[in-house]
Amino acid sequence: MSVVAAGEPFSGPLGSQLHDRLVGAAAEAQRLLGDDRLRVGTDAPDRLRSLIDALTEQLTRTRGGDPAPAVREHQDGLERLRQRFEARFDALARVHQAIGELREITSPASMLARAPATLCDTSKLQRALLSLVGGGRMVAQAAYFAGDRAGADAVLEQLRSHPIRLEHPLIETELLRRRRATIVVGAAVHPRVDPGLVELMGWDSYAAAPLVVGGKVIGVLHADRGRNSKLDILDRDVLWEFTSELAQAYESASLRRTLRHEREQMRQFLDWLGARSGELTDAPVRLATVQRPPRAALSAHEPPLPPAGRDDRVVFEGLLTRRELDVLRLLADGHSNKAIAQALVISNGTVKFHVNSILRKLRVSNRAQAVSRYLRLLGMQSP
């Protein structure tokens, strides 16, 4: 469904119907007046006022004196229409504002949990129940009853323990197929309403709308104005607009979370790849016994050599890779991960990977124990 920005006169699911009625009535009035200048187009509200003034003036001129009772009746009707239009405009504007606040929630699950309360806080609806659909059942996920948190929790617990089966002829089953909002009147005696749900909610009338994400119905949102209260078309329109916008916000949040997860996996993979690449370049090389140069003489690309007179590769051969030995030597010299990364020209993540591998292979729990074992095996520390 295309989204109409808040502020447009004919936004919402019923906007096209309202626009068609307005254009039809304006065309008939224009025909009676015979004035093409008063044609109602995209700027309908302003042109409509001019058309009303022209009709009123002509009727007054034709009948003389004050406008006829019929004119006043039409004026009253137009005033009621204006009030309905403004109420509709304000209600849909609040829906868009509420969805904007929900979009700030990064967790899709938290967004759905907050949705019933947000709907009721920004409309005349007093109770809302959001359920997810799966396995042929409708499982309640979140509920909000204005001023009755205990009641909402009790209903939620009951519906979670006894999910409603989506089967013929339930209205919700048809709702998922047709994918549009509806109002149910006389719910207590309606043959297509689940009796357990009616008894639990105390419904006389309620509205329901499907939550369609990515072309798939994932849930249903029920709402009412409280026990034994009736709804009007605007309530249904508000619920449908809210549910449609919520579905888009939920889908966006899900995509963002997926992207974050994939980025994290990619980062871990690159760290792993860097570590494995270092291992692949290792070869079973035995170093000759050499005199250890002063620490100041070490270059950024040359890891420190083992203590004089000892070859640590003889001790650790078959246990650690050459790169892991390089890291372990620098650890023994007291270098930080950042300093090791700079000396070996690798990333901090790769250093962490090597350190964890060293701890695992030496069967120690921390860096200090790894260094201690390294020094003991090289004869630099008594056991």
Protein backbone atom coordinates (compact mmCIF):
# COMPACT_ATOMS: atom_id res chain seq x y z
CA MET A 1 0.00 0.00 0.00
CA SER A 2 1.35 3.41 -0.89
CA VAL A 3 1.96 5.75 1.99
CA VAL A 4 0.41 9.21 1.90
CA ALA A 5 2.35 11.79 3.83
CA ALA A 6 0.77 13.29 6.89
CA GLY A 7 -0.96 16.54 6.05
CA GLU A 8 -2.46 15.54 2.70
CA PRO A 9 -6.25 16.08 2.66
CA PHE A 10 -7.12 12.63 1.34
CA SER A 11 -4.60 10.42 3.11
CA GLY A 12 -5.51 7.09 4.63
CA PRO A 13 -7.38 4.01 3.40
CA LEU A 14 -10.66 5.91 2.84
CA GLY A 15 -9.07 8.98 1.27
CA SER A 16 -9.83 8.01 -2.33
CA GLN A 17 -13.51 7.43 -1.52
CA LEU A 18 -13.81 10.81 0.16
CA HIS A 19 -12.08 12.49 -2.77
CA ASP A 20 -14.42 10.83 -5.32
CA ARG A 21 -17.53 11.92 -3.42
CA LEU A 22 -16.24 15.47 -3.16
CA VAL A 23 -15.43 15.70 -6.85
CA GLY A 24 -18.82 14.25 -7.81
CA ALA A 25 -20.78 16.71 -5.65
CA ALA A 26 -18.67 19.62 -6.88
CA ALA A 27 -19.23 18.61 -10.51
CA GLU A 28 -23.01 18.61 -10.03
CA ALA A 29 -22.92 22.02 -8.34
CA GLN A 30 -20.74 23.38 -11.12
CA ARG A 31 -23.22 22.09 -13.71
CA LEU A 32 -26.04 23.95 -11.99
CA LEU A 33 -24.01 27.15 -11.78
CA GLY A 34 -22.62 26.85 -15.32
CA ASP A 35 -19.20 28.21 -14.26
CA ASP A 36 -16.11 26.24 -15.28
CA ARG A 37 -13.94 28.50 -13.17
CA LEU A 38 -15.21 26.74 -10.06
CA ARG A 39 -14.02 23.29 -11.13
CA VAL A 40 -12.70 21.34 -8.13
CA GLY A 41 -9.29 19.79 -8.69
CA THR A 42 -6.26 19.05 -6.60
CA ASP A 43 -6.77 22.22 -4.54
CA ALA A 44 -10.25 20.95 -3.60
CA PRO A 45 -10.72 22.63 -0.18
CA ASP A 46 -10.18 26.20 -1.47
CA ARG A 47 -12.24 25.67 -4.63
CA LEU A 48 -14.97 24.01 -2.58
CA ARG A 49 -15.38 27.10 -0.43
CA SER A 50 -15.75 29.26 -3.54
CA LEU A 51 -18.33 26.83 -4.91
CA ILE A 52 -20.33 26.91 -1.68
CA ASP A 53 -20.33 30.71 -1.65
CA ALA A 54 -21.50 30.82 -5.28
CA LEU A 55 -24.34 28.37 -4.62
CA THR A 56 -25.45 30.26 -1.53
CA GLU A 57 -25.43 33.58 -3.41
CA GLN A 58 -27.47 32.19 -6.31
CA LEU A 59 -30.08 30.59 -4.04
CA THR A 60 -30.41 33.81 -2.06
CA ARG A 61 -30.83 35.81 -5.27
CA THR A 62 -33.36 33.37 -6.66
CA ARG A 63 -35.56 33.11 -3.57
CA GLY A 64 -34.90 36.55 -2.11
CA GLY A 65 -34.18 37.50 1.48
CA ASP A 66 -32.31 35.20 3.80
CA PRO A 67 -31.03 31.91 2.50
CA ALA A 68 -33.71 29.28 2.31
CA PRO A 69 -33.93 26.63 5.04
CA ALA A 70 -32.47 24.16 2.57
CA VAL A 71 -29.37 26.34 2.26
CA ARG A 72 -28.99 26.54 6.01
CA GLU A 73 -29.44 22.79 6.22
CA HIS A 74 -26.71 22.28 3.67
CA GLN A 75 -24.50 24.70 5.52
CA ASP A 76 -25.00 22.73 8.72
CA GLY A 77 -24.17 19.56 6.84
CA LEU A 78 -21.03 21.13 5.42
CA GLU A 79 -20.01 22.25 8.88
CA ARG A 80 -20.40 18.71 10.14
CA LEU A 81 -18.37 17.50 7.18
CA ARG A 82 -15.68 20.07 7.96
CA GLN A 83 -15.51 18.90 11.56
CA ARG A 84 -15.27 15.28 10.46
CA PHE A 85 -12.54 16.21 8.00
CA GLU A 86 -10.54 18.03 10.66
CA ALA A 87 -11.03 15.18 13.13
CA ARG A 88 -9.82 12.73 10.51
CA PHE A 89 -6.85 14.92 9.61
CA ASP A 90 -5.83 15.32 13.26
CA ALA A 91 -6.24 11.60 13.98
CA LEU A 92 -4.07 10.53 11.05
CA ALA A 93 -1.49 13.18 11.88
CA ARG A 94 -1.20 11.73 15.39
CA VAL A 95 -0.75 8.27 13.88
CA HIS A 96 2.17 9.45 11.75
CA GLN A 97 3.73 11.16 14.77
CA ALA A 98 3.35 8.00 16.86
CA ILE A 99 4.96 5.83 14.19
CA GLY A 100 7.82 8.32 13.99
CA GLU A 101 8.46 7.72 17.69
CA LEU A 102 8.30 3.94 17.24
CA ARG A 103 10.88 4.14 14.44
CA GLU A 104 13.42 5.31 17.02
CA ILE A 105 13.24 1.86 18.66
CA THR A 106 16.00 -0.27 17.18
CA SER A 107 14.73 -3.65 18.38
CA PRO A 108 11.88 -5.07 16.22
CA ALA A 109 10.54 -7.10 19.16
CA SER A 110 10.53 -4.04 21.44
CA MET A 111 8.77 -2.05 18.73
CA LEU A 112 5.91 -4.56 18.61
CA ALA A 113 5.75 -4.71 22.41
CA ARG A 114 5.33 -0.93 22.56
CA ALA A 115 2.85 -0.66 19.67
CA PRO A 116 -0.47 -1.26 21.56
CA ALA A 117 0.29 1.43 24.15
CA THR A 118 1.41 3.88 21.45
CA LEU A 119 -1.81 3.32 19.48
CA CYS A 120 -4.02 3.99 22.49
CA ASP A 121 -2.00 6.99 23.64
CA THR A 122 -2.46 8.72 20.29
CA SER A 123 -6.10 7.87 19.48
CA LYS A 124 -9.52 7.42 21.06
CA LEU A 125 -8.95 3.69 21.29
CA GLN A 126 -8.59 2.48 24.87
CA ARG A 127 -7.51 -1.14 24.56
CA ALA A 128 -5.25 -2.83 22.03
CA LEU A 129 -4.02 -6.38 21.63
CA LEU A 130 -1.22 -7.43 19.27
CA SER A 131 -0.87 -11.08 18.28
CA LEU A 132 1.61 -12.85 16.03
CA VAL A 133 0.48 -15.47 13.54
CA GLY A 134 2.25 -18.79 13.11
CA GLY A 135 1.49 -22.47 12.85
CA GLY A 136 -2.19 -21.80 12.26
CA ARG A 137 -2.51 -19.99 15.58
CA MET A 138 -2.81 -16.42 16.81
CA VAL A 139 -0.47 -15.98 19.79
CA ALA A 140 -0.81 -12.81 21.87
CA GLN A 141 2.43 -10.82 22.24
CA ALA A 142 1.52 -7.47 23.77
CA ALA A 143 -1.56 -5.81 25.26
CA TYR A 144 -2.44 -2.40 26.63
CA PHE A 145 -5.60 -1.38 28.51
CA ALA A 146 -5.75 2.32 29.45
CA GLY A 147 -5.74 2.56 33.23
CA ASP A 148 -5.89 -1.22 33.70
CA ARG A 149 -2.45 -2.76 33.50
CA ALA A 150 -3.45 -5.74 35.62
CA GLY A 151 -6.33 -6.50 33.27
CA ALA A 152 -4.04 -6.33 30.24
CA ASP A 153 -1.51 -8.67 31.89
CA ALA A 154 -4.25 -11.16 32.81
CA VAL A 155 -5.67 -11.22 29.28
CA LEU A 156 -2.18 -11.56 27.80
CA GLU A 157 -1.31 -14.49 30.06
CA GLN A 158 -4.58 -16.26 29.28
CA LEU A 159 -4.22 -15.84 25.52
CA ARG A 160 -0.59 -16.94 25.56
CA SER A 161 -1.47 -20.14 27.36
CA HIS A 162 -4.48 -20.78 25.08
CA PRO A 163 -3.69 -19.43 21.58
CA ILE A 164 -6.62 -19.01 19.22
CA ARG A 165 -6.68 -21.36 16.25
CA LEU A 166 -7.09 -19.63 12.91
CA GLU A 167 -9.72 -21.72 11.19
CA HIS A 168 -12.93 -21.23 9.27
CA PRO A 169 -15.17 -19.33 9.86
CA LEU A 170 -13.34 -16.95 12.21
CA ILE A 171 -13.26 -13.31 11.09
CA GLU A 172 -9.52 -13.18 11.76
CA THR A 173 -8.96 -15.98 9.24
CA GLU A 174 -10.79 -13.98 6.57
CA LEU A 175 -8.95 -10.87 7.70
CA LEU A 176 -5.58 -12.46 6.98
CA ARG A 177 -6.72 -13.50 3.54
CA ARG A 178 -8.27 -10.17 2.50
CA ARG A 179 -5.59 -8.08 4.25
CA ARG A 180 -7.64 -5.10 5.26
CA ALA A 181 -9.07 -3.66 8.46
CA THR A 182 -12.61 -4.31 9.62
CA ILE A 183 -15.07 -3.40 12.37
CA VAL A 184 -17.03 -6.15 14.10
CA VAL A 185 -20.38 -5.10 15.61
CA GLY A 186 -22.37 -7.23 18.02
CA ALA A 187 -19.36 -9.38 18.81
CA ALA A 188 -21.11 -11.18 21.69
CA VAL A 189 -23.60 -12.81 19.31
CA HIS A 190 -21.52 -12.82 16.14
CA PRO A 191 -21.16 -16.41 14.83
CA ARG A 192 -17.70 -15.75 13.35
CA VAL A 193 -16.10 -14.35 16.49
CA ASP A 194 -14.22 -16.63 18.89
CA PRO A 195 -16.48 -16.88 21.99
CA GLY A 196 -13.55 -17.27 24.37
CA LEU A 197 -11.97 -14.08 23.07
CA VAL A 198 -15.27 -12.20 23.40
CA GLU A 199 -15.75 -13.37 26.97
CA LEU A 200 -12.19 -12.45 27.87
CA MET A 201 -12.31 -8.99 26.29
CA GLY A 202 -15.97 -8.16 27.02
CA TRP A 203 -16.44 -6.90 23.48
CA ASP A 204 -19.52 -5.33 22.00
CA SER A 205 -17.64 -4.04 18.98
CA TYR A 206 -13.98 -4.02 18.03
CA ALA A 207 -11.69 -3.28 15.11
CA ALA A 208 -9.01 -5.56 13.73
CA ALA A 209 -6.26 -5.11 11.14
CA PRO A 210 -3.57 -7.45 9.77
CA LEU A 211 0.13 -6.69 10.17
CA VAL A 212 1.62 -7.29 6.72
CA VAL A 213 5.42 -7.29 6.50
CA GLY A 214 7.19 -8.02 3.24
CA GLY A 215 4.02 -9.34 1.63
CA LYS A 216 3.40 -11.77 4.48
CA VAL A 217 0.88 -11.45 7.31
CA ILE A 218 2.82 -11.82 10.55
CA GLY A 219 0.23 -10.62 13.04
CA VAL A 220 -3.10 -9.04 13.91
CA LEU A 221 -3.87 -5.89 15.91
CA HIS A 222 -7.22 -5.73 17.75
CA ALA A 223 -8.49 -2.53 19.34
CA ASP A 224 -11.63 -1.07 20.95
CA ARG A 225 -12.78 1.88 23.03
CA GLY A 226 -13.32 -0.22 26.14
CA ARG A 227 -15.88 -2.75 27.24
CA ASN A 228 -19.33 -2.37 25.69
CA SER A 229 -18.23 0.64 23.62
CA LYS A 230 -18.97 1.17 19.93
CA LEU A 231 -16.54 2.18 17.23
CA ASP A 232 -16.92 4.32 14.13
CA ILE A 233 -15.31 4.29 10.69
CA LEU A 234 -12.60 6.73 11.78
CA ASP A 235 -11.48 4.27 14.46
CA ARG A 236 -11.08 1.61 11.81
CA ASP A 237 -9.28 4.05 9.54
CA VAL A 238 -6.87 5.04 12.32
CA LEU A 239 -6.16 1.40 13.18
CA TRP A 240 -5.51 0.50 9.54
CA GLU A 241 -3.21 3.48 9.00
CA PHE A 242 -1.33 2.70 12.23
CA THR A 243 -0.94 -0.99 11.38
CA SER A 244 0.26 -0.28 7.85
CA GLU A 245 2.86 2.22 9.06
CA LEU A 246 3.89 -0.09 11.91
CA ALA A 247 4.56 -2.89 9.42
CA GLN A 248 6.91 -0.66 7.44
CA ALA A 249 8.72 0.53 10.57
CA TYR A 250 9.08 -3.07 11.78
CA GLU A 251 10.46 -4.20 8.44
CA SER A 252 13.00 -1.35 8.42
CA ALA A 253 14.12 -2.17 11.96
CA SER A 254 14.47 -5.85 11.04
CA LEU A 255 16.58 -5.01 8.01
CA ARG A 256 18.82 -2.71 10.05
CA ARG A 257 19.35 -5.42 12.66
CA THR A 258 20.16 -7.96 9.96
CA LEU A 259 22.72 -5.59 8.43
CA ARG A 260 24.35 -4.99 11.82
CA HIS A 261 24.57 -8.74 12.41
CA GLU A 262 26.08 -9.35 8.98
CA ARG A 263 28.64 -6.58 9.52
CA GLU A 264 29.67 -8.15 12.82
CA GLN A 265 29.97 -11.56 11.20
CA MET A 266 32.05 -10.06 8.41
CA ARG A 267 34.36 -8.38 10.93
CA GLN A 268 34.85 -11.66 12.81
CA PHE A 269 35.46 -13.49 9.56
CA LEU A 270 38.12 -10.99 8.50
CA ASP A 271 39.84 -11.35 11.87
CA TRP A 272 39.75 -15.12 11.51
CA LEU A 273 40.99 -14.89 7.94
CA GLY A 274 43.88 -12.68 8.99
CA ALA A 275 44.85 -15.12 11.70
CA ARG A 276 44.61 -18.14 9.42
CA SER A 277 46.63 -16.35 6.75
CA GLY A 278 49.38 -15.81 9.28
CA GLU A 279 49.32 -19.51 10.15
CA LEU A 280 49.45 -20.54 6.49
CA THR A 281 52.67 -18.58 6.05
CA ASP A 282 54.25 -20.38 8.98
CA ALA A 283 56.66 -23.21 8.25
CA PRO A 284 58.34 -25.72 10.55
CA VAL A 285 61.56 -23.70 10.68
CA ARG A 286 64.07 -24.17 13.50
CA LEU A 287 65.97 -21.06 14.33
CA ALA A 288 69.69 -21.23 15.04
CA THR A 289 70.80 -20.24 18.49
CA VAL A 290 71.63 -16.56 18.33
CA GLN A 291 72.45 -13.80 20.74
CA ARG A 292 69.35 -11.75 21.61
CA PRO A 293 69.80 -8.13 20.45
CA PRO A 294 68.89 -5.22 22.70
CA ARG A 295 65.16 -4.47 22.76
CA ALA A 296 65.77 -1.04 21.30
CA ALA A 297 67.19 -2.69 18.18
CA LEU A 298 63.89 -4.46 17.34
CA SER A 299 62.22 -3.12 14.25
CA ALA A 300 58.48 -2.82 13.82
CA HIS A 301 58.51 -5.87 11.53
CA GLU A 302 60.75 -8.13 13.59
CA PRO A 303 59.32 -9.84 16.69
CA PRO A 304 61.76 -10.31 19.62
CA LEU A 305 63.96 -13.38 19.64
CA PRO A 306 63.89 -15.97 22.46
CA PRO A 307 66.27 -15.67 25.44
CA ALA A 308 69.97 -16.15 24.70
CA GLY A 309 71.03 -19.75 24.41
CA ARG A 310 67.53 -21.10 24.12
CA ASP A 311 65.33 -21.83 21.12
CA ASP A 312 61.69 -21.59 22.12
CA ARG A 313 60.66 -23.34 18.94
CA VAL A 314 62.28 -26.51 20.22
CA VAL A 315 60.12 -26.31 23.32
CA PHE A 316 56.88 -25.23 21.63
CA GLU A 317 57.23 -27.06 18.29
CA GLY A 318 53.98 -28.69 17.33
CA LEU A 319 52.08 -26.64 19.90
CA LEU A 320 52.11 -23.04 18.74
CA THR A 321 52.45 -21.54 15.27
CA ARG A 322 55.27 -19.16 14.40
CA ARG A 323 52.94 -16.16 14.57
CA GLU A 324 51.57 -17.27 17.94
CA LEU A 325 55.13 -17.54 19.23
CA ASP A 326 55.80 -14.02 18.00
CA VAL A 327 52.77 -12.78 19.92
CA LEU A 328 53.74 -14.75 23.03
CA ARG A 329 57.26 -13.28 23.03
CA LEU A 330 55.88 -9.77 22.90
CA LEU A 331 53.43 -10.61 25.67
CA ALA A 332 56.36 -11.81 27.77
CA ASP A 333 58.06 -8.46 27.14
CA GLY A 334 55.02 -6.70 28.59
CA HIS A 335 53.61 -5.25 25.37
CA SER A 336 49.93 -4.34 25.04
CA ASN A 337 47.69 -5.65 22.25
CA LYS A 338 48.04 -2.35 20.45
CA ALA A 339 51.84 -2.45 20.63
CA ILE A 340 51.87 -6.07 19.43
CA ALA A 341 49.59 -5.18 16.52
CA GLN A 342 51.93 -2.34 15.51
CA ALA A 343 55.05 -4.50 15.83
CA LEU A 344 53.65 -7.38 13.78
CA VAL A 345 51.65 -5.14 11.41
CA ILE A 346 48.33 -6.86 12.11
CA SER A 347 45.00 -5.69 13.46
CA ASN A 348 44.01 -5.57 17.12
CA GLY A 349 41.32 -8.16 16.39
CA THR A 350 43.95 -10.54 14.98
CA VAL A 351 46.09 -10.07 18.10
CA LYS A 352 43.09 -10.95 20.29
CA PHE A 353 42.47 -14.03 18.16
CA HIS A 354 46.09 -15.18 18.56
CA VAL A 355 46.03 -14.52 22.32
CA ASN A 356 42.88 -16.59 22.76
CA SER A 357 44.43 -19.38 20.70
CA ILE A 358 47.59 -19.30 22.83
CA LEU A 359 45.58 -19.48 26.07
CA ARG A 360 43.62 -22.43 24.74
CA LYS A 361 46.68 -24.36 23.52
CA LEU A 362 48.68 -23.74 26.70
CA ARG A 363 45.61 -24.58 28.79
CA VAL A 364 45.79 -21.43 30.86
CA SER A 365 43.08 -18.93 31.72
CA ASN A 366 44.86 -15.58 31.33
CA ARG A 367 47.82 -13.81 29.76
CA ALA A 368 49.91 -13.79 32.94
CA GLN A 369 49.68 -17.57 33.24
CA ALA A 370 50.62 -17.95 29.55
CA VAL A 371 53.72 -15.77 30.03
CA SER A 372 54.61 -17.62 33.23
CA ARG A 373 54.47 -20.97 31.47
CA TYR A 374 56.47 -19.60 28.56
CA LEU A 375 59.24 -18.41 30.86
CA ARG A 376 59.25 -21.63 32.88
CA LEU A 377 59.60 -23.75 29.77
CA LEU A 378 62.50 -21.61 28.62
CA GLY A 379 64.24 -22.02 31.97
CA MET A 380 63.86 -18.33 32.92
CA GLN A 381 61.56 -18.92 35.88
CA SER A 382 61.67 -21.70 38.40
CA PRO A 383 58.57 -23.98 38.41
